Amino acid sequence: MSAPCEFAVKYLYPIVRSEIAKFLINNLKLTQVQAAEKLGITQAAVSQYTSLKRGGRIEKIPERVQKIIKECLKELCTPDCADRISEKSVEQTVCNICKRIKNLGSVN
């Protein structure tokens, strides 16, 4: 059995980073470099997230978990969020998602 934070690091962070990177680039028209700076990762990582070479596909996880992730990302990723998104806000979002998933019980 793995700890909840292990689950977050292995599965949630990649999905959340991927979704946020795509939002920043597609909706806010940030460059990969700008998105990388916001997320505290490299431009190469952003490139891999946006091309789905890194990170998971949100569609491959249980629907009830997808719903939680999408709800939390909707709160973070708004039209005026460019200044709010940071490595810390992503961490807080993943923790919030993890807590909500934990309240569901088993994710399998």
PDB file of N, CA and C in Angstrom:
ATOM      1  N   MET A   1       0.850  -1.180   0.000  1.00  0.00           N
ATOM      2  CA  MET A   1       0.000   0.000   0.000  1.00  0.00           C
ATOM      3  C   MET A   1       0.893   1.241   0.000  1.00  0.00           C
ATOM      4  N   SER A   2       0.560   2.193  -0.833  1.00  0.00           N
ATOM      5  CA  SER A   2       1.367   3.407  -0.903  1.00  0.00           C
ATOM      6  C   SER A   2       0.679   4.551  -0.166  1.00  0.00           C
ATOM      7  N   ALA A   3       1.489   5.491   0.254  1.00  0.00           N
ATOM      8  CA  ALA A   3       0.984   6.669   0.958  1.00  0.00           C
ATOM      9  C   ALA A   3       0.235   7.565  -0.024  1.00  0.00           C
ATOM     10  N   PRO A   4      -0.726   8.354   0.461  1.00  0.00           N
ATOM     11  CA  PRO A   4      -1.472   9.250  -0.429  1.00  0.00           C
ATOM     12  C   PRO A   4      -0.566  10.196  -1.223  1.00  0.00           C
ATOM     13  N   CYS A   5       0.498  10.660  -0.608  1.00  0.00           N
ATOM     14  CA  CYS A   5       1.388  11.583  -1.319  1.00  0.00           C
ATOM     15  C   CYS A   5       2.157  10.874  -2.436  1.00  0.00           C
ATOM     16  N   GLU A   6       2.392   9.580  -2.280  1.00  0.00           N
ATOM     17  CA  GLU A   6       3.014   8.813  -3.363  1.00  0.00           C
ATOM     18  C   GLU A   6       2.098   8.798  -4.577  1.00  0.00           C
ATOM     19  N   PHE A   7       0.826   8.589  -4.340  1.00  0.00           N
ATOM     20  CA  PHE A   7      -0.165   8.617  -5.406  1.00  0.00           C
ATOM     21  C   PHE A   7      -0.165   9.985  -6.084  1.00  0.00           C
ATOM     22  N   ALA A   8      -0.123  11.029  -5.280  1.00  0.00           N
ATOM     23  CA  ALA A   8      -0.138  12.389  -5.819  1.00  0.00           C
ATOM     24  C   ALA A   8       1.073  12.650  -6.704  1.00  0.00           C
ATOM     25  N   VAL A   9       2.241  12.257  -6.227  1.00  0.00           N
ATOM     26  CA  VAL A   9       3.465  12.503  -6.989  1.00  0.00           C
ATOM     27  C   VAL A   9       3.488  11.674  -8.265  1.00  0.00           C
ATOM     28  N   LYS A  10       3.086  10.443  -8.170  1.00  0.00           N
ATOM     29  CA  LYS A  10       3.169   9.552  -9.323  1.00  0.00           C
ATOM     30  C   LYS A  10       2.099   9.824 -10.373  1.00  0.00           C
ATOM     31  N   TYR A  11       0.889  10.154  -9.945  1.00  0.00           N
ATOM     32  CA  TYR A  11      -0.222  10.273 -10.887  1.00  0.00           C
ATOM     33  C   TYR A  11      -0.796  11.681 -11.006  1.00  0.00           C
ATOM     34  N   LEU A  12      -1.047  12.334  -9.876  1.00  0.00           N
ATOM     35  CA  LEU A  12      -1.737  13.620  -9.928  1.00  0.00           C
ATOM     36  C   LEU A  12      -0.880  14.756 -10.467  1.00  0.00           C
ATOM     37  N   TYR A  13       0.344  14.892  -9.959  1.00  0.00           N
ATOM     38  CA  TYR A  13       1.191  16.002 -10.426  1.00  0.00           C
ATOM     39  C   TYR A  13       1.336  16.014 -11.942  1.00  0.00           C
ATOM     40  N   PRO A  14       1.673  14.895 -12.572  1.00  0.00           N
ATOM     41  CA  PRO A  14       1.813  14.926 -14.030  1.00  0.00           C
ATOM     42  C   PRO A  14       0.525  15.332 -14.751  1.00  0.00           C
ATOM     43  N   ILE A  15      -0.609  14.825 -14.296  1.00  0.00           N
ATOM     44  CA  ILE A  15      -1.879  15.169 -14.935  1.00  0.00           C
ATOM     45  C   ILE A  15      -2.194  16.646 -14.724  1.00  0.00           C
ATOM     46  N   VAL A  16      -2.055  17.113 -13.504  1.00  0.00           N
ATOM     47  CA  VAL A  16      -2.359  18.510 -13.186  1.00  0.00           C
ATOM     48  C   VAL A  16      -1.421  19.449 -13.939  1.00  0.00           C
ATOM     49  N   ARG A  17      -0.140  19.158 -13.926  1.00  0.00           N
ATOM     50  CA  ARG A  17       0.807  20.002 -14.666  1.00  0.00           C
ATOM     51  C   ARG A  17       0.483  20.022 -16.144  1.00  0.00           C
ATOM     52  N   SER A  18       0.150  18.872 -16.693  1.00  0.00           N
ATOM     53  CA  SER A  18      -0.186  18.789 -18.108  1.00  0.00           C
ATOM     54  C   SER A  18      -1.407  19.643 -18.427  1.00  0.00           C
ATOM     55  N   GLU A  19      -2.444  19.517 -17.632  1.00  0.00           N
ATOM     56  CA  GLU A  19      -3.672  20.281 -17.865  1.00  0.00           C
ATOM     57  C   GLU A  19      -3.444  21.781 -17.702  1.00  0.00           C
ATOM     58  N   ILE A  20      -2.670  22.171 -16.691  1.00  0.00           N
ATOM     59  CA  ILE A  20      -2.394  23.593 -16.474  1.00  0.00           C
ATOM     60  C   ILE A  20      -1.522  24.142 -17.595  1.00  0.00           C
ATOM     61  N   ALA A  21      -0.510  23.393 -17.998  1.00  0.00           N
ATOM     62  CA  ALA A  21       0.366  23.847 -19.093  1.00  0.00           C
ATOM     63  C   ALA A  21      -0.447  24.063 -20.364  1.00  0.00           C
ATOM     64  N   LYS A  22      -1.323  23.108 -20.676  1.00  0.00           N
ATOM     65  CA  LYS A  22      -2.164  23.257 -21.872  1.00  0.00           C
ATOM     66  C   LYS A  22      -3.063  24.482 -21.759  1.00  0.00           C
ATOM     67  N   PHE A  23      -3.613  24.720 -20.565  1.00  0.00           N
ATOM     68  CA  PHE A  23      -4.474  25.885 -20.359  1.00  0.00           C
ATOM     69  C   PHE A  23      -3.684  27.187 -20.556  1.00  0.00           C
ATOM     70  N   LEU A  24      -2.505  27.260 -19.942  1.00  0.00           N
ATOM     71  CA  LEU A  24      -1.696  28.478 -20.045  1.00  0.00           C
ATOM     72  C   LEU A  24      -1.325  28.791 -21.494  1.00  0.00           C
ATOM     73  N   ILE A  25      -0.986  27.757 -22.234  1.00  0.00           N
ATOM     74  CA  ILE A  25      -0.546  27.950 -23.621  1.00  0.00           C
ATOM     75  C   ILE A  25      -1.739  28.181 -24.555  1.00  0.00           C
ATOM     76  N   ASN A  26      -2.763  27.368 -24.429  1.00  0.00           N
ATOM     77  CA  ASN A  26      -3.901  27.456 -25.355  1.00  0.00           C
ATOM     78  C   ASN A  26      -4.866  28.593 -25.044  1.00  0.00           C
ATOM     79  N   ASN A  27      -5.109  28.850 -23.770  1.00  0.00           N
ATOM     80  CA  ASN A  27      -6.107  29.851 -23.404  1.00  0.00           C
ATOM     81  C   ASN A  27      -5.511  31.217 -23.100  1.00  0.00           C
ATOM     82  N   LEU A  28      -4.363  31.231 -22.431  1.00  0.00           N
ATOM     83  CA  LEU A  28      -3.762  32.507 -22.057  1.00  0.00           C
ATOM     84  C   LEU A  28      -2.657  32.936 -23.005  1.00  0.00           C
ATOM     85  N   LYS A  29      -2.350  32.065 -23.972  1.00  0.00           N
ATOM     86  CA  LYS A  29      -1.353  32.346 -25.017  1.00  0.00           C
ATOM     87  C   LYS A  29       0.050  32.602 -24.461  1.00  0.00           C
ATOM     88  N   LEU A  30       0.381  31.940 -23.357  1.00  0.00           N
ATOM     89  CA  LEU A  30       1.740  32.015 -22.839  1.00  0.00           C
ATOM     90  C   LEU A  30       2.637  31.116 -23.684  1.00  0.00           C
ATOM     91  N   THR A  31       3.909  31.423 -23.708  1.00  0.00           N
ATOM     92  CA  THR A  31       4.862  30.555 -24.393  1.00  0.00           C
ATOM     93  C   THR A  31       5.171  29.370 -23.485  1.00  0.00           C
ATOM     94  N   GLN A  32       5.822  28.357 -24.038  1.00  0.00           N
ATOM     95  CA  GLN A  32       6.233  27.213 -23.221  1.00  0.00           C
ATOM     96  C   GLN A  32       7.200  27.666 -22.135  1.00  0.00           C
ATOM     97  N   VAL A  33       8.064  28.601 -22.436  1.00  0.00           N
ATOM     98  CA  VAL A  33       9.029  29.110 -21.449  1.00  0.00           C
ATOM     99  C   VAL A  33       8.286  29.805 -20.307  1.00  0.00           C
ATOM    100  N   GLN A  34       7.307  30.641 -20.640  1.00  0.00           N
ATOM    101  CA  GLN A  34       6.534  31.332 -19.609  1.00  0.00           C
ATOM    102  C   GLN A  34       5.739  30.342 -18.755  1.00  0.00           C
ATOM    103  N   ALA A  35       5.138  29.361 -19.395  1.00  0.00           N
ATOM    104  CA  ALA A  35       4.391  28.342 -18.654  1.00  0.00           C
ATOM    105  C   ALA A  35       5.317  27.563 -17.730  1.00  0.00           C
ATOM    106  N   ALA A  36       6.504  27.241 -18.232  1.00  0.00           N
ATOM    107  CA  ALA A  36       7.488  26.507 -17.422  1.00  0.00           C
ATOM    108  C   ALA A  36       7.887  27.306 -16.187  1.00  0.00           C
ATOM    109  N   GLU A  37       8.089  28.597 -16.363  1.00  0.00           N
ATOM    110  CA  GLU A  37       8.451  29.451 -15.223  1.00  0.00           C
ATOM    111  C   GLU A  37       7.341  29.459 -14.177  1.00  0.00           C
ATOM    112  N   LYS A  38       6.106  29.532 -14.620  1.00  0.00           N
ATOM    113  CA  LYS A  38       4.967  29.518 -13.698  1.00  0.00           C
ATOM    114  C   LYS A  38       4.889  28.202 -12.916  1.00  0.00           C
ATOM    115  N   LEU A  39       5.169  27.103 -13.613  1.00  0.00           N
ATOM    116  CA  LEU A  39       5.041  25.783 -12.997  1.00  0.00           C
ATOM    117  C   LEU A  39       6.296  25.322 -12.271  1.00  0.00           C
ATOM    118  N   GLY A  40       7.397  26.060 -12.428  1.00  0.00           N
ATOM    119  CA  GLY A  40       8.642  25.667 -11.773  1.00  0.00           C
ATOM    120  C   GLY A  40       9.276  24.448 -12.402  1.00  0.00           C
ATOM    121  N   ILE A  41       9.088  24.291 -13.714  1.00  0.00           N
ATOM    122  CA  ILE A  41       9.655  23.153 -14.439  1.00  0.00           C
ATOM    123  C   ILE A  41      10.367  23.683 -15.679  1.00  0.00           C
ATOM    124  N   THR A  42      10.949  22.799 -16.457  1.00  0.00           N
ATOM    125  CA  THR A  42      11.669  23.235 -17.650  1.00  0.00           C
ATOM    126  C   THR A  42      10.724  23.378 -18.843  1.00  0.00           C
ATOM    127  N   GLN A  43      11.195  24.111 -19.843  1.00  0.00           N
ATOM    128  CA  GLN A  43      10.434  24.252 -21.085  1.00  0.00           C
ATOM    129  C   GLN A  43      10.263  22.889 -21.743  1.00  0.00           C
ATOM    130  N   ALA A  44      11.296  22.063 -21.668  1.00  0.00           N
ATOM    131  CA  ALA A  44      11.225  20.722 -22.259  1.00  0.00           C
ATOM    132  C   ALA A  44      10.113  19.900 -21.603  1.00  0.00           C
ATOM    133  N   ALA A  45       9.968  20.033 -20.292  1.00  0.00           N
ATOM    134  CA  ALA A  45       8.896  19.313 -19.590  1.00  0.00           C
ATOM    135  C   ALA A  45       7.528  19.807 -20.066  1.00  0.00           C
ATOM    136  N   VAL A  46       7.388  21.122 -20.229  1.00  0.00           N
ATOM    137  CA  VAL A  46       6.121  21.672 -20.727  1.00  0.00           C
ATOM    138  C   VAL A  46       5.830  21.126 -22.115  1.00  0.00           C
ATOM    139  N   SER A  47       6.843  21.080 -22.956  1.00  0.00           N
ATOM    140  CA  SER A  47       6.676  20.542 -24.304  1.00  0.00           C
ATOM    141  C   SER A  47       6.178  19.098 -24.245  1.00  0.00           C
ATOM    142  N   GLN A  48       6.761  18.318 -23.360  1.00  0.00           N
ATOM    143  CA  GLN A  48       6.344  16.921 -23.232  1.00  0.00           C
ATOM    144  C   GLN A  48       4.936  16.804 -22.653  1.00  0.00           C
ATOM    145  N   TYR A  49       4.587  17.674 -21.708  1.00  0.00           N
ATOM    146  CA  TYR A  49       3.231  17.653 -21.156  1.00  0.00           C
ATOM    147  C   TYR A  49       2.201  18.012 -22.219  1.00  0.00           C
ATOM    148  N   THR A  50       2.479  19.043 -23.001  1.00  0.00           N
ATOM    149  CA  THR A  50       1.495  19.492 -23.989  1.00  0.00           C
ATOM    150  C   THR A  50       1.384  18.538 -25.168  1.00  0.00           C
ATOM    151  N   SER A  51       2.430  17.783 -25.438  1.00  0.00           N
ATOM    152  CA  SER A  51       2.366  16.796 -26.531  1.00  0.00           C
ATOM    153  C   SER A  51       1.978  15.406 -26.020  1.00  0.00           C
ATOM    154  N   LEU A  52       1.648  15.324 -24.734  1.00  0.00           N
ATOM    155  CA  LEU A  52       1.216  14.085 -24.077  1.00  0.00           C
ATOM    156  C   LEU A  52       2.277  12.991 -24.063  1.00  0.00           C
ATOM    157  N   LYS A  53       3.543  13.391 -24.154  1.00  0.00           N
ATOM    158  CA  LYS A  53       4.635  12.426 -24.020  1.00  0.00           C
ATOM    159  C   LYS A  53       4.979  12.207 -22.550  1.00  0.00           C
ATOM    160  N   ARG A  54       4.589  13.138 -21.708  1.00  0.00           N
ATOM    161  CA  ARG A  54       4.828  13.051 -20.270  1.00  0.00           C
ATOM    162  C   ARG A  54       3.498  13.334 -19.587  1.00  0.00           C
ATOM    163  N   GLY A  55       3.340  12.740 -18.445  1.00  0.00           N
ATOM    164  CA  GLY A  55       2.103  12.946 -17.708  1.00  0.00           C
ATOM    165  C   GLY A  55       1.071  11.938 -18.147  1.00  0.00           C
ATOM    166  N   GLY A  56       0.027  11.856 -17.401  1.00  0.00           N
ATOM    167  CA  GLY A  56      -1.020  10.919 -17.750  1.00  0.00           C
ATOM    168  C   GLY A  56      -2.135  11.602 -18.505  1.00  0.00           C
ATOM    169  N   ARG A  57      -2.940  10.809 -19.099  1.00  0.00           N
ATOM    170  CA  ARG A  57      -4.138  11.338 -19.749  1.00  0.00           C
ATOM    171  C   ARG A  57      -5.262  11.281 -18.736  1.00  0.00           C
ATOM    172  N   ILE A  58      -5.872  12.404 -18.539  1.00  0.00           N
ATOM    173  CA  ILE A  58      -6.932  12.505 -17.539  1.00  0.00           C
ATOM    174  C   ILE A  58      -8.066  11.526 -17.834  1.00  0.00           C
ATOM    175  N   GLU A  59      -8.268  11.218 -19.116  1.00  0.00           N
ATOM    176  CA  GLU A  59      -9.346  10.315 -19.509  1.00  0.00           C
ATOM    177  C   GLU A  59      -9.117   8.877 -19.034  1.00  0.00           C
ATOM    178  N   LYS A  60      -7.896   8.540 -18.646  1.00  0.00           N
ATOM    179  CA  LYS A  60      -7.579   7.162 -18.265  1.00  0.00           C
ATOM    180  C   LYS A  60      -7.762   6.885 -16.773  1.00  0.00           C
ATOM    181  N   ILE A  61      -8.185   7.883 -16.023  1.00  0.00           N
ATOM    182  CA  ILE A  61      -8.395   7.663 -14.590  1.00  0.00           C
ATOM    183  C   ILE A  61      -9.896   7.594 -14.316  1.00  0.00           C
ATOM    184  N   PRO A  62     -10.274   7.057 -13.167  1.00  0.00           N
ATOM    185  CA  PRO A  62     -11.706   6.911 -12.874  1.00  0.00           C
ATOM    186  C   PRO A  62     -12.462   8.239 -13.007  1.00  0.00           C
ATOM    187  N   GLU A  63     -13.685   8.151 -13.499  1.00  0.00           N
ATOM    188  CA  GLU A  63     -14.488   9.339 -13.775  1.00  0.00           C
ATOM    189  C   GLU A  63     -14.705  10.217 -12.538  1.00  0.00           C
ATOM    190  N   ARG A  64     -14.904   9.591 -11.397  1.00  0.00           N
ATOM    191  CA  ARG A  64     -15.132  10.388 -10.182  1.00  0.00           C
ATOM    192  C   ARG A  64     -13.879  11.156  -9.779  1.00  0.00           C
ATOM    193  N   VAL A  65     -12.706  10.629 -10.096  1.00  0.00           N
ATOM    194  CA  VAL A  65     -11.451  11.340  -9.825  1.00  0.00           C
ATOM    195  C   VAL A  65     -11.251  12.436 -10.868  1.00  0.00           C
ATOM    196  N   GLN A  66     -11.581  12.139 -12.116  1.00  0.00           N
ATOM    197  CA  GLN A  66     -11.525  13.158 -13.173  1.00  0.00           C
ATOM    198  C   GLN A  66     -12.347  14.374 -12.774  1.00  0.00           C
ATOM    199  N   LYS A  67     -13.534  14.127 -12.262  1.00  0.00           N
ATOM    200  CA  LYS A  67     -14.445  15.212 -11.877  1.00  0.00           C
ATOM    201  C   LYS A  67     -13.797  16.115 -10.830  1.00  0.00           C
ATOM    202  N   ILE A  68     -13.169  15.516  -9.846  1.00  0.00           N
ATOM    203  CA  ILE A  68     -12.504  16.294  -8.798  1.00  0.00           C
ATOM    204  C   ILE A  68     -11.366  17.121  -9.390  1.00  0.00           C
ATOM    205  N   ILE A  69     -10.559  16.493 -10.234  1.00  0.00           N
ATOM    206  CA  ILE A  69      -9.434  17.204 -10.844  1.00  0.00           C
ATOM    207  C   ILE A  69      -9.942  18.375 -11.669  1.00  0.00           C
ATOM    208  N   LYS A  70     -10.938  18.129 -12.486  1.00  0.00           N
ATOM    209  CA  LYS A  70     -11.474  19.193 -13.339  1.00  0.00           C
ATOM    210  C   LYS A  70     -12.073  20.331 -12.524  1.00  0.00           C
ATOM    211  N   GLU A  71     -12.767  19.998 -11.433  1.00  0.00           N
ATOM    212  CA  GLU A  71     -13.347  21.035 -10.582  1.00  0.00           C
ATOM    213  C   GLU A  71     -12.253  21.900  -9.952  1.00  0.00           C
ATOM    214  N   CYS A  72     -11.212  21.256  -9.454  1.00  0.00           N
ATOM    215  CA  CYS A  72     -10.121  22.000  -8.814  1.00  0.00           C
ATOM    216  C   CYS A  72      -9.346  22.837  -9.832  1.00  0.00           C
ATOM    217  N   LEU A  73      -9.143  22.295 -11.018  1.00  0.00           N
ATOM    218  CA  LEU A  73      -8.446  23.048 -12.052  1.00  0.00           C
ATOM    219  C   LEU A  73      -9.289  24.221 -12.535  1.00  0.00           C
ATOM    220  N   LYS A  74     -10.604  24.047 -12.560  1.00  0.00           N
ATOM    221  CA  LYS A  74     -11.484  25.143 -12.972  1.00  0.00           C
ATOM    222  C   LYS A  74     -11.370  26.312 -11.991  1.00  0.00           C
ATOM    223  N   GLU A  75     -11.208  26.003 -10.713  1.00  0.00           N
ATOM    224  CA  GLU A  75     -11.034  27.051  -9.703  1.00  0.00           C
ATOM    225  C   GLU A  75      -9.714  27.790  -9.891  1.00  0.00           C
ATOM    226  N   LEU A  76      -8.670  27.060 -10.278  1.00  0.00           N
ATOM    227  CA  LEU A  76      -7.341  27.654 -10.440  1.00  0.00           C
ATOM    228  C   LEU A  76      -7.189  28.335 -11.790  1.00  0.00           C
ATOM    229  N   CYS A  77      -7.639  27.683 -12.847  1.00  0.00           N
ATOM    230  CA  CYS A  77      -7.410  28.155 -14.219  1.00  0.00           C
ATOM    231  C   CYS A  77      -8.587  28.993 -14.706  1.00  0.00           C
ATOM    232  N   THR A  78      -8.507  30.273 -14.425  1.00  0.00           N
ATOM    233  CA  THR A  78      -9.520  31.221 -14.858  1.00  0.00           C
ATOM    234  C   THR A  78      -8.876  32.198 -15.838  1.00  0.00           C
ATOM    235  N   PRO A  79      -9.670  32.972 -16.566  1.00  0.00           N
ATOM    236  CA  PRO A  79      -9.092  33.901 -17.548  1.00  0.00           C
ATOM    237  C   PRO A  79      -8.076  34.890 -16.965  1.00  0.00           C
ATOM    238  N   ASP A  80      -8.165  35.160 -15.675  1.00  0.00           N
ATOM    239  CA  ASP A  80      -7.245  36.122 -15.053  1.00  0.00           C
ATOM    240  C   ASP A  80      -6.218  35.458 -14.130  1.00  0.00           C
ATOM    241  N   CYS A  81      -5.928  34.189 -14.349  1.00  0.00           N
ATOM    242  CA  CYS A  81      -5.101  33.425 -13.415  1.00  0.00           C
ATOM    243  C   CYS A  81      -3.597  33.501 -13.665  1.00  0.00           C
ATOM    244  N   ALA A  82      -3.163  34.128 -14.737  1.00  0.00           N
ATOM    245  CA  ALA A  82      -1.736  34.110 -15.098  1.00  0.00           C
ATOM    246  C   ALA A  82      -0.837  34.539 -13.944  1.00  0.00           C
ATOM    247  N   ASP A  83      -1.247  35.526 -13.182  1.00  0.00           N
ATOM    248  CA  ASP A  83      -0.417  35.999 -12.066  1.00  0.00           C
ATOM    249  C   ASP A  83      -0.515  35.100 -10.838  1.00  0.00           C
ATOM    250  N   ARG A  84      -1.599  34.339 -10.722  1.00  0.00           N
ATOM    251  CA  ARG A  84      -1.803  33.485  -9.547  1.00  0.00           C
ATOM    252  C   ARG A  84      -1.139  32.127  -9.661  1.00  0.00           C
ATOM    253  N   ILE A  85      -0.976  31.629 -10.872  1.00  0.00           N
ATOM    254  CA  ILE A  85      -0.435  30.284 -11.030  1.00  0.00           C
ATOM    255  C   ILE A  85       1.063  30.298 -10.746  1.00  0.00           C
ATOM    256  N   SER A  86       1.451  29.398  -9.866  1.00  0.00           N
ATOM    257  CA  SER A  86       2.853  29.269  -9.476  1.00  0.00           C
ATOM    258  C   SER A  86       3.078  27.831  -9.029  1.00  0.00           C
ATOM    259  N   GLU A  87       4.318  27.530  -8.794  1.00  0.00           N
ATOM    260  CA  GLU A  87       4.645  26.196  -8.289  1.00  0.00           C
ATOM    261  C   GLU A  87       3.862  25.914  -7.003  1.00  0.00           C
ATOM    262  N   LYS A  88       3.749  26.924  -6.144  1.00  0.00           N
ATOM    263  CA  LYS A  88       3.045  26.784  -4.867  1.00  0.00           C
ATOM    264  C   LYS A  88       1.545  26.567  -5.078  1.00  0.00           C
ATOM    265  N   SER A  89       0.928  27.315  -5.997  1.00  0.00           N
ATOM    266  CA  SER A  89      -0.510  27.151  -6.221  1.00  0.00           C
ATOM    267  C   SER A  89      -0.813  25.777  -6.826  1.00  0.00           C
ATOM    268  N   VAL A  90       0.104  25.266  -7.650  1.00  0.00           N
ATOM    269  CA  VAL A  90      -0.076  23.917  -8.199  1.00  0.00           C
ATOM    270  C   VAL A  90       0.018  22.896  -7.067  1.00  0.00           C
ATOM    271  N   GLU A  91       0.982  23.076  -6.181  1.00  0.00           N
ATOM    272  CA  GLU A  91       1.133  22.181  -5.024  1.00  0.00           C
ATOM    273  C   GLU A  91      -0.140  22.189  -4.179  1.00  0.00           C
ATOM    274  N   GLN A  92      -0.666  23.365  -3.911  1.00  0.00           N
ATOM    275  CA  GLN A  92      -1.892  23.473  -3.112  1.00  0.00           C
ATOM    276  C   GLN A  92      -3.069  22.813  -3.814  1.00  0.00           C
ATOM    277  N   THR A  93      -3.137  22.967  -5.123  1.00  0.00           N
ATOM    278  CA  THR A  93      -4.217  22.350  -5.893  1.00  0.00           C
ATOM    279  C   THR A  93      -4.118  20.831  -5.836  1.00  0.00           C
ATOM    280  N   VAL A  94      -2.905  20.293  -5.988  1.00  0.00           N
ATOM    281  CA  VAL A  94      -2.723  18.839  -5.909  1.00  0.00           C
ATOM    282  C   VAL A  94      -3.093  18.336  -4.514  1.00  0.00           C
ATOM    283  N   CYS A  95      -2.712  19.063  -3.476  1.00  0.00           N
ATOM    284  CA  CYS A  95      -3.077  18.661  -2.111  1.00  0.00           C
ATOM    285  C   CYS A  95      -4.595  18.672  -1.931  1.00  0.00           C
ATOM    286  N   ASN A  96      -5.250  19.686  -2.467  1.00  0.00           N
ATOM    287  CA  ASN A  96      -6.705  19.764  -2.387  1.00  0.00           C
ATOM    288  C   ASN A  96      -7.350  18.594  -3.126  1.00  0.00           C
ATOM    289  N   ILE A  97      -6.851  18.291  -4.319  1.00  0.00           N
ATOM    290  CA  ILE A  97      -7.365  17.157  -5.085  1.00  0.00           C
ATOM    291  C   ILE A  97      -7.177  15.864  -4.300  1.00  0.00           C
ATOM    292  N   CYS A  98      -5.989  15.693  -3.751  1.00  0.00           N
ATOM    293  CA  CYS A  98      -5.661  14.481  -2.998  1.00  0.00           C
ATOM    294  C   CYS A  98      -6.594  14.316  -1.791  1.00  0.00           C
ATOM    295  N   LYS A  99      -6.845  15.395  -1.076  1.00  0.00           N
ATOM    296  CA  LYS A  99      -7.743  15.335   0.081  1.00  0.00           C
ATOM    297  C   LYS A  99      -9.155  14.949  -0.354  1.00  0.00           C
ATOM    298  N   ARG A 100      -9.606  15.525  -1.442  1.00  0.00           N
ATOM    299  CA  ARG A 100     -10.956  15.214  -1.932  1.00  0.00           C
ATOM    300  C   ARG A 100     -11.049  13.764  -2.409  1.00  0.00           C
ATOM    301  N   ILE A 101      -9.993  13.285  -3.040  1.00  0.00           N
ATOM    302  CA  ILE A 101      -9.984  11.875  -3.479  1.00  0.00           C
ATOM    303  C   ILE A 101      -9.990  10.969  -2.262  1.00  0.00           C
ATOM    304  N   LYS A 102      -9.216  11.330  -1.264  1.00  0.00           N
ATOM    305  CA  LYS A 102      -9.133  10.524  -0.038  1.00  0.00           C
ATOM    306  C   LYS A 102     -10.517  10.414   0.606  1.00  0.00           C
ATOM    307  N   ASN A 103     -11.311  11.479   0.518  1.00  0.00           N
ATOM    308  CA  ASN A 103     -12.673  11.450   1.072  1.00  0.00           C
ATOM    309  C   ASN A 103     -13.594  10.513   0.301  1.00  0.00           C
ATOM    310  N   LEU A 104     -13.229  10.209  -0.948  1.00  0.00           N
ATOM    311  CA  LEU A 104     -14.031   9.269  -1.751  1.00  0.00           C
ATOM    312  C   LEU A 104     -13.846   7.832  -1.287  1.00  0.00           C
ATOM    313  N   GLY A 105     -12.691   7.560  -0.698  1.00  0.00           N
ATOM    314  CA  GLY A 105     -12.339   6.192  -0.370  1.00  0.00           C
ATOM    315  C   GLY A 105     -11.367   5.681  -1.420  1.00  0.00           C
ATOM    316  N   SER A 106     -11.425   4.440  -1.760  1.00  0.00           N
ATOM    317  CA  SER A 106     -10.529   3.832  -2.740  1.00  0.00           C
ATOM    318  C   SER A 106     -10.740   4.439  -4.121  1.00  0.00           C
ATOM    319  N   VAL A 107      -9.634   4.680  -4.844  1.00  0.00           N
ATOM    320  CA  VAL A 107      -9.730   5.239  -6.188  1.00  0.00           C
ATOM    321  C   VAL A 107      -9.771   4.155  -7.260  1.00  0.00           C
ATOM    322  N   ASN A 108      -9.727   2.914  -6.875  1.00  0.00           N
ATOM    323  CA  ASN A 108      -9.755   1.819  -7.872  1.00  0.00           C
ATOM    324  C   ASN A 108     -11.158   1.422  -8.217  1.00  0.00           C
TER     325      ASN A 108
END
